[in-house]
N, C-alpha and C. Protein backbone atom coordinates (compact mmCIF):
# COMPACT_ATOMS: atom_id res chain seq x y z
N MET A 1 41.60 71.56 37.50
CA MET A 1 41.06 70.76 36.41
C MET A 1 42.24 70.06 35.71
N SER A 2 42.08 68.79 35.42
CA SER A 2 43.12 68.01 34.76
C SER A 2 42.92 68.02 33.25
N VAL A 3 44.03 67.92 32.56
CA VAL A 3 44.05 67.77 31.12
C VAL A 3 43.89 66.28 30.82
N ARG A 4 43.30 65.96 29.70
CA ARG A 4 43.12 64.55 29.31
C ARG A 4 44.46 63.84 29.16
N ALA A 5 44.44 62.55 29.17
CA ALA A 5 45.65 61.75 28.97
C ALA A 5 46.18 61.99 27.56
N PRO A 6 47.48 61.82 27.35
CA PRO A 6 48.02 62.05 26.02
C PRO A 6 47.51 61.02 25.02
N SER A 7 47.25 61.48 23.80
CA SER A 7 46.93 60.56 22.72
C SER A 7 48.16 60.46 21.82
N GLU A 8 48.02 59.89 20.65
CA GLU A 8 49.17 59.67 19.77
C GLU A 8 50.01 60.92 19.60
N ASP A 9 51.32 60.74 19.76
CA ASP A 9 52.32 61.78 19.57
C ASP A 9 52.09 63.00 20.46
N GLN A 10 51.79 62.70 21.73
CA GLN A 10 51.63 63.75 22.73
C GLN A 10 52.33 63.33 24.03
N ALA A 11 52.75 64.35 24.79
CA ALA A 11 53.35 64.13 26.10
C ALA A 11 52.65 65.03 27.12
N LEU A 12 52.48 64.51 28.32
CA LEU A 12 51.78 65.23 29.38
C LEU A 12 52.68 65.33 30.60
N LEU A 13 52.79 66.54 31.14
CA LEU A 13 53.45 66.76 32.43
C LEU A 13 52.34 67.07 33.43
N ARG A 14 52.12 66.16 34.35
CA ARG A 14 51.11 66.36 35.39
C ARG A 14 51.86 66.85 36.63
N ARG A 15 51.86 68.18 36.81
CA ARG A 15 52.61 68.82 37.89
C ARG A 15 51.72 69.03 39.11
N PHE A 16 52.29 69.40 40.22
CA PHE A 16 51.53 69.62 41.46
C PHE A 16 50.51 70.75 41.29
N CYS A 17 50.75 71.65 40.34
CA CYS A 17 49.94 72.86 40.19
C CYS A 17 49.09 72.87 38.92
N GLY A 18 49.11 71.79 38.16
CA GLY A 18 48.33 71.74 36.93
C GLY A 18 49.03 70.87 35.90
N ASP A 19 48.47 70.83 34.71
CA ASP A 19 48.96 69.96 33.64
C ASP A 19 49.41 70.75 32.43
N GLU A 20 50.38 70.19 31.71
CA GLU A 20 50.83 70.75 30.44
C GLU A 20 50.86 69.61 29.42
N LEU A 21 50.11 69.76 28.34
CA LEU A 21 50.03 68.76 27.28
C LEU A 21 50.73 69.31 26.05
N PHE A 22 51.67 68.55 25.50
CA PHE A 22 52.48 68.98 24.37
C PHE A 22 52.33 68.03 23.18
N ALA A 23 52.51 68.57 21.99
CA ALA A 23 52.65 67.75 20.79
C ALA A 23 54.11 67.30 20.69
N ILE A 24 54.30 66.03 20.37
CA ILE A 24 55.66 65.52 20.14
C ILE A 24 55.97 65.75 18.67
N SER A 25 57.03 66.49 18.40
CA SER A 25 57.36 66.83 17.02
C SER A 25 58.35 65.87 16.39
N GLU A 26 59.14 65.19 17.22
CA GLU A 26 60.18 64.30 16.69
C GLU A 26 60.59 63.32 17.77
N VAL A 27 60.95 62.12 17.36
CA VAL A 27 61.52 61.14 18.28
C VAL A 27 62.86 60.69 17.71
N SER A 28 63.93 60.98 18.44
CA SER A 28 65.26 60.51 18.06
C SER A 28 65.47 59.14 18.68
N VAL A 29 66.10 58.25 17.92
CA VAL A 29 66.29 56.87 18.35
C VAL A 29 67.78 56.53 18.32
N TRP A 30 68.27 56.00 19.43
CA TRP A 30 69.65 55.55 19.55
C TRP A 30 69.62 54.14 20.14
N VAL A 31 70.64 53.36 19.86
CA VAL A 31 70.72 52.00 20.37
C VAL A 31 72.08 51.80 21.03
N SER A 32 72.07 51.14 22.19
CA SER A 32 73.31 50.79 22.88
C SER A 32 73.37 49.27 23.03
N HIS A 33 74.41 48.70 22.43
CA HIS A 33 74.66 47.26 22.59
C HIS A 33 75.71 47.09 23.68
N PRO A 34 75.65 46.01 24.45
CA PRO A 34 76.67 45.80 25.47
C PRO A 34 78.05 45.67 24.84
N ARG A 35 79.04 46.27 25.50
CA ARG A 35 80.42 46.21 25.02
C ARG A 35 81.31 45.60 26.10
N GLY A 36 82.34 44.95 25.67
CA GLY A 36 83.30 44.39 26.62
C GLY A 36 82.62 43.55 27.68
N GLY A 37 82.81 43.93 28.94
CA GLY A 37 82.24 43.17 30.05
C GLY A 37 80.91 43.70 30.54
N GLU A 38 80.29 44.59 29.75
CA GLU A 38 79.01 45.17 30.19
C GLU A 38 77.95 44.09 30.31
N LYS A 39 77.12 44.24 31.34
CA LYS A 39 76.01 43.32 31.54
C LYS A 39 74.76 43.89 30.90
N GLY A 40 73.82 43.03 30.63
CA GLY A 40 72.56 43.48 30.08
C GLY A 40 72.53 43.33 28.58
N GLY A 41 71.35 43.58 28.04
CA GLY A 41 71.16 43.44 26.61
C GLY A 41 71.11 44.80 25.92
N VAL A 42 70.31 44.86 24.90
CA VAL A 42 70.19 46.07 24.09
C VAL A 42 69.37 47.11 24.85
N LEU A 43 69.84 48.35 24.82
CA LEU A 43 69.10 49.48 25.36
C LEU A 43 68.63 50.35 24.21
N LEU A 44 67.36 50.66 24.20
CA LEU A 44 66.76 51.54 23.21
C LEU A 44 66.62 52.91 23.85
N ASN A 45 67.30 53.91 23.28
CA ASN A 45 67.24 55.27 23.80
C ASN A 45 66.28 56.08 22.93
N LEU A 46 65.20 56.55 23.55
CA LEU A 46 64.22 57.38 22.84
C LEU A 46 64.27 58.80 23.41
N GLU A 47 64.40 59.78 22.53
CA GLU A 47 64.33 61.18 22.92
C GLU A 47 63.08 61.76 22.28
N LEU A 48 62.09 62.05 23.10
CA LEU A 48 60.81 62.59 22.61
C LEU A 48 60.87 64.11 22.72
N HIS A 49 60.94 64.78 21.58
CA HIS A 49 61.07 66.24 21.53
C HIS A 49 59.70 66.87 21.34
N CYS A 50 59.32 67.71 22.29
CA CYS A 50 58.04 68.41 22.24
C CYS A 50 58.24 69.83 21.73
N ARG A 51 57.27 70.35 21.01
CA ARG A 51 57.39 71.71 20.50
C ARG A 51 56.18 72.58 20.80
N GLU A 52 54.99 72.06 20.60
CA GLU A 52 53.80 72.90 20.73
C GLU A 52 53.03 72.56 22.00
N LEU A 53 52.75 73.58 22.81
CA LEU A 53 51.92 73.43 23.99
C LEU A 53 50.47 73.41 23.53
N LEU A 54 49.77 72.29 23.77
CA LEU A 54 48.40 72.12 23.30
C LEU A 54 47.36 72.56 24.32
N GLU A 55 47.59 72.21 25.58
CA GLU A 55 46.68 72.57 26.66
C GLU A 55 47.51 72.83 27.91
N CYS A 56 47.03 73.74 28.76
CA CYS A 56 47.76 74.07 29.97
C CYS A 56 46.82 74.55 31.05
N THR A 57 46.95 73.94 32.24
CA THR A 57 46.18 74.40 33.39
C THR A 57 47.12 74.89 34.50
N VAL A 58 48.40 75.05 34.19
CA VAL A 58 49.39 75.52 35.16
C VAL A 58 49.25 77.04 35.29
N PRO A 59 49.19 77.56 36.53
CA PRO A 59 49.10 79.01 36.71
C PRO A 59 50.32 79.73 36.11
N GLU A 60 50.11 80.93 35.65
CA GLU A 60 51.16 81.72 34.99
C GLU A 60 52.43 81.80 35.84
N GLU A 61 52.30 81.97 37.14
CA GLU A 61 53.48 82.13 38.00
C GLU A 61 54.33 80.86 38.11
N GLU A 62 53.78 79.72 37.73
CA GLU A 62 54.53 78.47 37.78
C GLU A 62 55.06 78.04 36.41
N ARG A 63 54.75 78.79 35.38
CA ARG A 63 55.24 78.44 34.05
C ARG A 63 56.68 78.88 33.89
N THR A 64 57.39 78.21 33.01
CA THR A 64 58.77 78.55 32.74
C THR A 64 58.86 79.90 32.03
N LEU A 65 59.99 80.57 32.19
CA LEU A 65 60.19 81.86 31.52
C LEU A 65 60.43 81.68 30.02
N ARG A 66 60.98 80.53 29.67
CA ARG A 66 61.26 80.24 28.26
C ARG A 66 60.04 79.60 27.62
N ALA A 67 60.08 79.55 26.31
CA ALA A 67 59.02 78.81 25.60
C ALA A 67 59.12 77.35 26.03
N PRO A 68 58.02 76.76 26.43
CA PRO A 68 58.07 75.38 26.92
C PRO A 68 58.29 74.38 25.78
N THR A 69 59.45 73.77 25.78
CA THR A 69 59.75 72.74 24.77
C THR A 69 60.50 71.59 25.44
N PRO A 70 59.81 70.81 26.24
CA PRO A 70 60.50 69.72 26.95
C PRO A 70 60.93 68.58 26.03
N THR A 71 61.93 67.87 26.49
CA THR A 71 62.36 66.63 25.86
C THR A 71 62.38 65.56 26.95
N VAL A 72 61.81 64.42 26.63
CA VAL A 72 61.81 63.27 27.52
C VAL A 72 62.80 62.27 26.95
N GLU A 73 63.79 61.87 27.76
CA GLU A 73 64.78 60.91 27.30
C GLU A 73 64.74 59.68 28.19
N VAL A 74 64.50 58.53 27.57
CA VAL A 74 64.44 57.27 28.31
C VAL A 74 65.31 56.21 27.64
N TRP A 75 65.89 55.37 28.48
CA TRP A 75 66.67 54.21 28.04
C TRP A 75 65.89 52.97 28.45
N LEU A 76 65.46 52.20 27.47
CA LEU A 76 64.61 51.04 27.74
C LEU A 76 65.31 49.75 27.32
N PRO A 77 65.43 48.78 28.23
CA PRO A 77 65.98 47.48 27.84
C PRO A 77 64.95 46.74 27.00
N VAL A 78 65.36 46.30 25.83
CA VAL A 78 64.43 45.62 24.93
C VAL A 78 65.01 44.28 24.48
N PRO A 79 64.14 43.29 24.22
CA PRO A 79 64.60 41.98 23.81
C PRO A 79 64.94 41.88 22.32
N THR A 80 64.47 42.86 21.54
CA THR A 80 64.66 42.82 20.09
C THR A 80 64.58 44.23 19.53
N LEU A 81 65.06 44.39 18.31
CA LEU A 81 64.92 45.67 17.61
C LEU A 81 63.94 45.56 16.44
N LYS A 82 63.14 44.50 16.43
CA LYS A 82 62.13 44.32 15.39
C LYS A 82 60.80 44.84 15.93
N PRO A 83 60.25 45.90 15.31
CA PRO A 83 59.01 46.50 15.83
C PRO A 83 57.88 45.51 16.07
N SER A 84 57.64 44.60 15.12
CA SER A 84 56.52 43.66 15.27
C SER A 84 56.71 42.74 16.48
N GLU A 85 57.97 42.44 16.83
CA GLU A 85 58.25 41.58 17.98
C GLU A 85 58.23 42.35 19.30
N LEU A 86 58.32 43.68 19.23
CA LEU A 86 58.24 44.50 20.44
C LEU A 86 56.81 44.66 20.95
N VAL A 87 55.83 44.57 20.04
CA VAL A 87 54.44 44.80 20.43
C VAL A 87 54.05 43.85 21.56
N GLY A 88 53.49 44.42 22.61
CA GLY A 88 53.10 43.65 23.78
C GLY A 88 54.17 43.61 24.86
N THR A 89 55.38 44.04 24.54
CA THR A 89 56.47 44.06 25.52
C THR A 89 56.29 45.24 26.46
N SER A 90 56.40 44.97 27.75
CA SER A 90 56.38 46.02 28.77
C SER A 90 57.69 45.97 29.54
N VAL A 91 58.23 47.13 29.85
CA VAL A 91 59.47 47.21 30.62
C VAL A 91 59.30 48.21 31.75
N HIS A 92 60.02 47.96 32.82
CA HIS A 92 60.05 48.87 33.96
C HIS A 92 61.50 49.24 34.23
N VAL A 93 61.76 50.52 34.37
CA VAL A 93 63.09 51.02 34.71
C VAL A 93 62.94 51.80 36.02
N ALA A 94 63.43 51.23 37.10
CA ALA A 94 63.22 51.81 38.43
C ALA A 94 64.08 53.04 38.68
N GLU A 95 65.32 53.00 38.26
CA GLU A 95 66.28 54.05 38.58
C GLU A 95 66.44 55.04 37.43
N SER A 96 66.95 56.21 37.76
CA SER A 96 67.16 57.23 36.74
C SER A 96 68.48 57.05 36.00
N TYR A 97 69.44 56.34 36.62
CA TYR A 97 70.76 56.24 36.01
C TYR A 97 71.30 54.82 36.12
N ASP A 98 71.78 54.31 35.00
CA ASP A 98 72.46 53.01 34.94
C ASP A 98 73.94 53.33 34.73
N ALA A 99 74.70 53.34 35.81
CA ALA A 99 76.12 53.72 35.74
C ALA A 99 76.93 52.77 34.86
N ALA A 100 76.58 51.50 34.89
CA ALA A 100 77.32 50.51 34.10
C ALA A 100 77.21 50.79 32.61
N ARG A 101 76.10 51.35 32.18
CA ARG A 101 75.88 51.63 30.76
C ARG A 101 75.88 53.12 30.46
N ASP A 102 76.09 53.95 31.46
CA ASP A 102 76.08 55.41 31.31
C ASP A 102 74.78 55.87 30.64
N ALA A 103 73.66 55.37 31.14
CA ALA A 103 72.35 55.66 30.57
C ALA A 103 71.53 56.46 31.58
N MET A 104 71.20 57.70 31.24
CA MET A 104 70.45 58.59 32.13
C MET A 104 69.05 58.84 31.58
N ASN A 105 68.05 58.52 32.40
CA ASN A 105 66.66 58.84 32.07
C ASN A 105 66.39 60.23 32.62
N ARG A 106 65.83 61.11 31.79
CA ARG A 106 65.65 62.48 32.26
C ARG A 106 64.58 63.23 31.49
N LEU A 107 64.14 64.28 32.15
CA LEU A 107 63.23 65.25 31.56
C LEU A 107 64.04 66.53 31.40
N TYR A 108 64.11 67.04 30.18
CA TYR A 108 64.80 68.31 29.96
C TYR A 108 63.73 69.35 29.67
N TYR A 109 63.64 70.34 30.53
CA TYR A 109 62.69 71.43 30.33
C TYR A 109 63.49 72.72 30.29
N CYS A 110 63.93 73.17 31.44
CA CYS A 110 64.88 74.29 31.52
C CYS A 110 66.26 73.74 31.87
N GLU A 111 66.26 72.74 32.67
CA GLU A 111 67.45 72.00 33.07
C GLU A 111 67.12 70.52 32.98
N HIS A 112 68.13 69.68 33.08
CA HIS A 112 67.88 68.24 33.10
C HIS A 112 67.46 67.82 34.50
N GLU A 113 66.36 67.12 34.59
CA GLU A 113 65.91 66.54 35.84
C GLU A 113 65.81 65.04 35.62
N ARG A 114 66.28 64.29 36.57
CA ARG A 114 66.25 62.84 36.42
C ARG A 114 64.82 62.32 36.42
N MET A 115 64.62 61.21 35.74
CA MET A 115 63.33 60.51 35.73
C MET A 115 63.53 59.10 36.26
N TRP A 116 62.55 58.60 36.98
CA TRP A 116 62.62 57.26 37.55
C TRP A 116 61.23 56.64 37.52
N GLY A 117 61.19 55.37 37.88
CA GLY A 117 59.90 54.67 37.91
C GLY A 117 59.23 54.65 36.55
N ILE A 118 60.00 54.39 35.54
CA ILE A 118 59.49 54.43 34.17
C ILE A 118 58.85 53.09 33.80
N ASP A 119 57.63 53.16 33.31
CA ASP A 119 56.93 52.01 32.77
C ASP A 119 56.64 52.29 31.30
N ALA A 120 57.01 51.38 30.44
CA ALA A 120 56.79 51.56 29.00
C ALA A 120 56.21 50.29 28.41
N THR A 121 55.26 50.46 27.50
CA THR A 121 54.66 49.33 26.79
C THR A 121 54.64 49.66 25.30
N PHE A 122 55.11 48.73 24.51
CA PHE A 122 55.07 48.87 23.05
C PHE A 122 53.72 48.34 22.60
N VAL A 123 52.90 49.22 22.00
CA VAL A 123 51.50 48.87 21.77
C VAL A 123 51.12 48.62 20.31
N ALA A 124 51.95 49.03 19.36
CA ALA A 124 51.60 48.83 17.95
C ALA A 124 52.86 48.91 17.09
N ALA A 125 52.75 48.35 15.89
CA ALA A 125 53.84 48.43 14.92
C ALA A 125 53.26 48.47 13.52
N GLU A 126 53.90 49.23 12.67
CA GLU A 126 53.56 49.30 11.24
C GLU A 126 54.88 49.39 10.48
N GLY A 127 55.29 48.29 9.87
CA GLY A 127 56.56 48.28 9.15
C GLY A 127 57.71 48.51 10.12
N ASP A 128 58.53 49.55 9.86
CA ASP A 128 59.65 49.83 10.76
C ASP A 128 59.29 50.87 11.83
N ARG A 129 58.00 51.18 11.95
CA ARG A 129 57.54 52.12 12.98
C ARG A 129 56.95 51.36 14.16
N CYS A 130 57.10 51.94 15.34
CA CYS A 130 56.59 51.33 16.56
C CYS A 130 55.98 52.42 17.44
N ARG A 131 54.96 52.04 18.19
CA ARG A 131 54.29 52.99 19.10
C ARG A 131 54.52 52.54 20.53
N VAL A 132 54.91 53.50 21.37
CA VAL A 132 55.17 53.23 22.77
C VAL A 132 54.33 54.17 23.65
N ARG A 133 53.86 53.63 24.75
CA ARG A 133 53.21 54.45 25.78
C ARG A 133 54.09 54.32 27.02
N LEU A 134 54.40 55.45 27.62
CA LEU A 134 55.27 55.39 28.79
C LEU A 134 54.86 56.41 29.83
N SER A 135 55.30 56.14 31.05
CA SER A 135 55.10 57.08 32.15
C SER A 135 56.28 56.96 33.09
N GLY A 136 56.55 58.02 33.82
CA GLY A 136 57.63 58.04 34.79
C GLY A 136 57.46 59.24 35.70
N ARG A 137 58.40 59.40 36.62
CA ARG A 137 58.33 60.48 37.60
C ARG A 137 59.59 61.33 37.54
N SER A 138 59.42 62.60 37.89
CA SER A 138 60.52 63.55 37.95
C SER A 138 60.19 64.58 39.02
N CYS A 139 61.19 65.31 39.49
CA CYS A 139 60.85 66.40 40.41
C CYS A 139 60.28 67.55 39.58
N ASP A 140 59.56 68.43 40.23
CA ASP A 140 58.94 69.54 39.51
C ASP A 140 60.01 70.45 38.92
N ILE A 141 59.73 71.00 37.76
CA ILE A 141 60.72 71.81 37.03
C ILE A 141 61.09 73.11 37.74
N ASN A 142 60.25 73.59 38.64
CA ASN A 142 60.53 74.84 39.35
C ASN A 142 60.87 74.63 40.82
N HIS A 143 60.76 73.41 41.31
CA HIS A 143 60.95 73.16 42.74
C HIS A 143 61.84 71.93 42.91
N TYR A 144 63.09 72.15 43.34
CA TYR A 144 64.09 71.08 43.35
C TYR A 144 64.35 70.51 44.74
N LYS A 145 63.74 71.07 45.78
CA LYS A 145 64.06 70.67 47.15
C LYS A 145 63.24 69.50 47.65
N GLY A 146 62.36 69.00 46.83
CA GLY A 146 61.51 67.90 47.25
C GLY A 146 60.31 68.34 48.07
N ASP A 147 60.04 69.65 48.06
CA ASP A 147 58.93 70.17 48.85
C ASP A 147 57.61 70.15 48.09
N LYS A 148 57.63 69.71 46.85
CA LYS A 148 56.40 69.59 46.04
C LYS A 148 56.28 68.14 45.57
N PRO A 149 55.07 67.69 45.31
CA PRO A 149 54.90 66.33 44.79
C PRO A 149 55.62 66.15 43.45
N ASP A 150 55.98 64.91 43.15
CA ASP A 150 56.64 64.59 41.88
C ASP A 150 55.77 65.00 40.71
N THR A 151 56.43 65.32 39.61
CA THR A 151 55.74 65.50 38.33
C THR A 151 55.62 64.12 37.68
N VAL A 152 54.44 63.79 37.20
CA VAL A 152 54.24 62.54 36.47
C VAL A 152 54.30 62.87 34.99
N VAL A 153 55.21 62.21 34.30
CA VAL A 153 55.40 62.42 32.87
C VAL A 153 54.81 61.22 32.15
N SER A 154 53.96 61.47 31.17
CA SER A 154 53.43 60.37 30.36
C SER A 154 53.46 60.77 28.90
N ALA A 155 53.62 59.79 28.05
CA ALA A 155 53.72 60.06 26.61
C ALA A 155 53.19 58.87 25.82
N ASP A 156 52.77 59.18 24.60
CA ASP A 156 52.30 58.19 23.64
C ASP A 156 52.93 58.61 22.32
N ALA A 157 53.87 57.81 21.82
CA ALA A 157 54.64 58.27 20.66
C ALA A 157 54.93 57.15 19.65
N TRP A 158 54.86 57.52 18.39
CA TRP A 158 55.33 56.67 17.30
C TRP A 158 56.78 57.03 17.02
N PHE A 159 57.59 56.02 16.71
CA PHE A 159 58.98 56.27 16.31
C PHE A 159 59.37 55.25 15.25
N THR A 160 60.34 55.63 14.46
CA THR A 160 60.86 54.74 13.43
C THR A 160 62.08 54.04 13.98
N LEU A 161 62.08 52.75 13.91
CA LEU A 161 63.18 51.97 14.48
C LEU A 161 64.30 51.80 13.45
N ARG A 162 64.80 52.95 13.04
CA ARG A 162 66.02 53.06 12.25
C ARG A 162 66.92 53.96 13.06
N PRO A 163 67.73 53.39 13.94
CA PRO A 163 68.51 54.19 14.86
C PRO A 163 69.35 55.24 14.13
N GLN A 164 69.43 56.42 14.75
CA GLN A 164 70.26 57.49 14.21
C GLN A 164 71.71 57.24 14.57
N GLY A 165 71.93 56.34 15.47
CA GLY A 165 73.29 56.04 15.86
C GLY A 165 73.32 54.94 16.90
N TYR A 166 74.53 54.46 17.14
CA TYR A 166 74.75 53.45 18.14
C TYR A 166 75.66 54.05 19.17
N VAL A 167 75.30 53.84 20.41
CA VAL A 167 76.07 54.42 21.51
C VAL A 167 76.97 53.35 22.07
């Protein structure tokens, strides 16, 4: 049985053996501007921190030994840092790592696992807040050899576009 798609401020891990739906407790925001000879524009780094497991259909033997508190970290190329101008913007990030910008997309559960095939759409804005819906792929948190289907990570999150820092 599948868990419903994430709604506002939720993240879903759709694993080969079931689903885990989490509440997003915080979104950290960082911005990277190109420096020196770097190519590309502004990268928006979002870290979606999950704390509470809301629903779970994963069998006990496949659950992590620790309390499940995943973090989803994505680097998204954006044309602007104005929330109202981001609405309607969709971006695709094919690779997990941009070596030129030292930007790693990843899922942190027990260990860091790379994420790829990320699609993100900015769907709403209110003042300096913005809402993003995203999805991407990662290897399963318990199976690293590629012998299980990819985990599909999806999230729907509000964040405040007041960066905590510049990278």
